[in-house]
């Protein structure tokens, strides 16, 4: 690496930013269990206070990704959370919907054969888009647990079309300056196939 390249790399590091996830400040764990820890954040106020402290220490974590079901109380104005973030010196970043923890999503959310489950999942996604607009968030980050655990359990082609239809409708409700982020998983969480796997939607 020559001097010019080294200077360019240092400059890039000076402007590099990391968005911390709100749930990273709470008790951590996996889908198999939660590991309790002293002084873990209890609510969104604690999470944003911790995020603000991290940003003060590092200078490179100015925004916090938020989770719709875990960070907003029913009936709470999203702007209240935004003001709380500002109080702690950070901003709200990507909005993360949740279409995986409810019992009705045992066999999938937007790829579920049950019309009611699919409808509820889509409504939550569209509500999350509107919440993001209220927060002036340009990013909506999606993670799906949809898939099957053994051969013959599900019609993979039908499920792929259901996923495409749901994402297309969600995209139509987004504003021009919003971006849909999708977290791909090659194999997990389903043991046989994951509806939105690492090869994408093509």
Foldseek 3Di string as FASTA:
>chain_A
DDPVVVVVVVVCVVQAADEAELCVQAFDDDPVDTDHDPPRDDALLSSLLVQLVVCVVPVHHQEYEYEVVRHDDVPDQLVVSQVSNVVSRHGYEEYEYDLDDDPVCPQWALLDPDPVSNVVSLVRLLVSLVSCVSSVYQEYEYEIQHDAADPPPDDLVSSLVSVVVSVVVSVVSHDPSHDYHYDADQAPDHNPGHNQHDVGND
